[in-house]
Amino acid sequence: MKRLLIKASIFSAAIHVIYLLWIVGYSWFVTRNYVPDIADAYENIAYLQNEVTFGFVIHPVYTILSFIIIAIIGALGIQFYDSFRLKRAQ
């Protein structure tokens, strides 16, 4: 059981690192290719008033919950794979 929890935690951490790298890469790409448009600057005023300087504010509870939920999904997948592998080996 302990081994399964460790594997699931590693799986969840890997998924979150991949997601973080994707977001950083995408943000870098968008920032790199940004072309300012003065003519349409005030059309997005409602969106700009709700935006934070470096992205959107996400409550830390959601981050912890996503880590736990992905760990549970990973544990179920690992458990299913191990049981399938053991049945196939017999």
C-alpha atoms as a PDB file:
ATOM      1  CA  MET A   1       0.000   0.000   0.000  1.00  0.00           C
ATOM      2  CA  LYS A   2       2.839   2.384   0.857  1.00  0.00           C
ATOM      3  CA  ARG A   3       4.499   1.668  -2.470  1.00  0.00           C
ATOM      4  CA  LEU A   4       1.255   2.430  -4.317  1.00  0.00           C
ATOM      5  CA  LEU A   5       0.911   5.781  -2.533  1.00  0.00           C
ATOM      6  CA  ILE A   6       4.486   6.709  -3.415  1.00  0.00           C
ATOM      7  CA  LYS A   7       3.937   5.797  -7.077  1.00  0.00           C
ATOM      8  CA  ALA A   8       0.660   7.732  -7.169  1.00  0.00           C
ATOM      9  CA  SER A   9       2.301  10.789  -5.587  1.00  0.00           C
ATOM     10  CA  ILE A  10       5.138  10.674  -8.111  1.00  0.00           C
ATOM     11  CA  PHE A  11       2.589  10.342 -10.930  1.00  0.00           C
ATOM     12  CA  SER A  12       0.624  13.331  -9.643  1.00  0.00           C
ATOM     13  CA  ALA A  13       3.763  15.429  -9.203  1.00  0.00           C
ATOM     14  CA  ALA A  14       4.894  14.539 -12.741  1.00  0.00           C
ATOM     15  CA  ILE A  15       1.527  15.561 -14.194  1.00  0.00           C
ATOM     16  CA  HIS A  16       1.668  18.880 -12.327  1.00  0.00           C
ATOM     17  CA  VAL A  17       5.264  19.548 -13.465  1.00  0.00           C
ATOM     18  CA  ILE A  18       4.311  18.803 -17.082  1.00  0.00           C
ATOM     19  CA  TYR A  19       1.330  21.153 -16.751  1.00  0.00           C
ATOM     20  CA  LEU A  20       3.504  23.884 -15.245  1.00  0.00           C
ATOM     21  CA  LEU A  21       6.096  23.541 -18.003  1.00  0.00           C
ATOM     22  CA  TRP A  22       3.336  23.674 -20.631  1.00  0.00           C
ATOM     23  CA  ILE A  23       1.878  26.861 -19.110  1.00  0.00           C
ATOM     24  CA  VAL A  24       5.303  28.517 -18.900  1.00  0.00           C
ATOM     25  CA  GLY A  25       6.140  27.535 -22.484  1.00  0.00           C
ATOM     26  CA  TYR A  26       2.798  28.689 -23.820  1.00  0.00           C
ATOM     27  CA  SER A  27       3.006  31.983 -21.910  1.00  0.00           C
ATOM     28  CA  TRP A  28       6.519  32.560 -23.203  1.00  0.00           C
ATOM     29  CA  PHE A  29       5.331  31.911 -26.770  1.00  0.00           C
ATOM     30  CA  VAL A  30       2.344  34.257 -26.435  1.00  0.00           C
ATOM     31  CA  THR A  31       4.467  36.977 -24.848  1.00  0.00           C
ATOM     32  CA  ARG A  32       7.143  36.584 -27.491  1.00  0.00           C
ATOM     33  CA  ASN A  33       4.622  36.961 -30.337  1.00  0.00           C
ATOM     34  CA  TYR A  34       2.523  39.737 -28.792  1.00  0.00           C
ATOM     35  CA  VAL A  35       1.792  42.692 -31.037  1.00  0.00           C
ATOM     36  CA  PRO A  36       0.170  45.661 -29.267  1.00  0.00           C
ATOM     37  CA  ASP A  37      -2.907  47.166 -30.878  1.00  0.00           C
ATOM     38  CA  ILE A  38      -3.716  50.680 -29.691  1.00  0.00           C
ATOM     39  CA  ALA A  39      -6.914  50.958 -31.732  1.00  0.00           C
ATOM     40  CA  ASP A  40      -8.622  48.070 -29.870  1.00  0.00           C
ATOM     41  CA  ALA A  41      -7.071  48.674 -26.455  1.00  0.00           C
ATOM     42  CA  TYR A  42     -10.288  49.756 -24.721  1.00  0.00           C
ATOM     43  CA  GLU A  43     -12.569  47.067 -26.181  1.00  0.00           C
ATOM     44  CA  ASN A  44     -11.358  44.530 -23.623  1.00  0.00           C
ATOM     45  CA  ILE A  45     -11.854  46.720 -20.561  1.00  0.00           C
ATOM     46  CA  ALA A  46     -14.107  44.239 -18.701  1.00  0.00           C
ATOM     47  CA  TYR A  47     -11.581  41.454 -19.187  1.00  0.00           C
ATOM     48  CA  LEU A  48      -8.613  43.626 -18.225  1.00  0.00           C
ATOM     49  CA  GLN A  49     -10.240  44.772 -14.973  1.00  0.00           C
ATOM     50  CA  ASN A  50     -10.535  41.165 -13.781  1.00  0.00           C
ATOM     51  CA  GLU A  51      -7.062  40.077 -14.803  1.00  0.00           C
ATOM     52  CA  VAL A  52      -4.102  39.977 -12.441  1.00  0.00           C
ATOM     53  CA  THR A  53      -0.692  41.122 -13.643  1.00  0.00           C
ATOM     54  CA  PHE A  54       0.781  37.614 -13.858  1.00  0.00           C
ATOM     55  CA  GLY A  55      -2.305  35.509 -14.645  1.00  0.00           C
ATOM     56  CA  PHE A  56      -5.405  34.592 -12.720  1.00  0.00           C
ATOM     57  CA  VAL A  57      -5.626  34.029  -8.985  1.00  0.00           C
ATOM     58  CA  ILE A  58      -6.244  30.381  -8.119  1.00  0.00           C
ATOM     59  CA  HIS A  59      -7.016  29.486  -4.543  1.00  0.00           C
ATOM     60  CA  PRO A  60      -4.373  27.129  -3.051  1.00  0.00           C
ATOM     61  CA  VAL A  61      -7.068  24.663  -1.979  1.00  0.00           C
ATOM     62  CA  TYR A  62      -7.779  23.890  -5.644  1.00  0.00           C
ATOM     63  CA  THR A  63      -4.121  23.113  -6.242  1.00  0.00           C
ATOM     64  CA  ILE A  64      -4.027  20.717  -3.300  1.00  0.00           C
ATOM     65  CA  LEU A  65      -7.301  19.110  -4.362  1.00  0.00           C
ATOM     66  CA  SER A  66      -6.063  18.650  -7.917  1.00  0.00           C
ATOM     67  CA  PHE A  67      -2.892  17.001  -6.600  1.00  0.00           C
ATOM     68  CA  ILE A  68      -4.954  14.621  -4.430  1.00  0.00           C
ATOM     69  CA  ILE A  69      -7.485  13.811  -7.168  1.00  0.00           C
ATOM     70  CA  ILE A  70      -4.780  13.113  -9.747  1.00  0.00           C
ATOM     71  CA  ALA A  71      -2.957  10.960  -7.167  1.00  0.00           C
ATOM     72  CA  ILE A  72      -6.147   8.946  -6.610  1.00  0.00           C
ATOM     73  CA  ILE A  73      -6.646   8.520 -10.359  1.00  0.00           C
ATOM     74  CA  GLY A  74      -2.999   7.494 -10.696  1.00  0.00           C
ATOM     75  CA  ALA A  75      -3.329   5.004  -7.818  1.00  0.00           C
ATOM     76  CA  LEU A  76      -6.392   3.448  -9.433  1.00  0.00           C
ATOM     77  CA  GLY A  77      -4.596   3.220 -12.771  1.00  0.00           C
ATOM     78  CA  ILE A  78      -1.479   1.700 -11.218  1.00  0.00           C
ATOM     79  CA  GLN A  79      -3.567  -0.774  -9.198  1.00  0.00           C
ATOM     80  CA  PHE A  80      -5.521  -1.774 -12.303  1.00  0.00           C
ATOM     81  CA  TYR A  81      -2.340  -2.180 -14.343  1.00  0.00           C
ATOM     82  CA  ASP A  82      -0.631  -4.267 -11.637  1.00  0.00           C
ATOM     83  CA  SER A  83      -3.644  -6.555 -11.225  1.00  0.00           C
ATOM     84  CA  PHE A  84      -3.959  -6.952 -15.000  1.00  0.00           C
ATOM     85  CA  ARG A  85      -0.256  -7.728 -15.298  1.00  0.00           C
ATOM     86  CA  LEU A  86      -0.417 -10.333 -12.513  1.00  0.00           C
ATOM     87  CA  LYS A  87      -3.463 -12.044 -14.054  1.00  0.00           C
ATOM     88  CA  ARG A  88      -1.788 -12.102 -17.444  1.00  0.00           C
ATOM     89  CA  ALA A  89       1.425 -13.606 -16.034  1.00  0.00           C
ATOM     90  CA  GLN A  90      -0.451 -16.584 -14.540  1.00  0.00           C
END
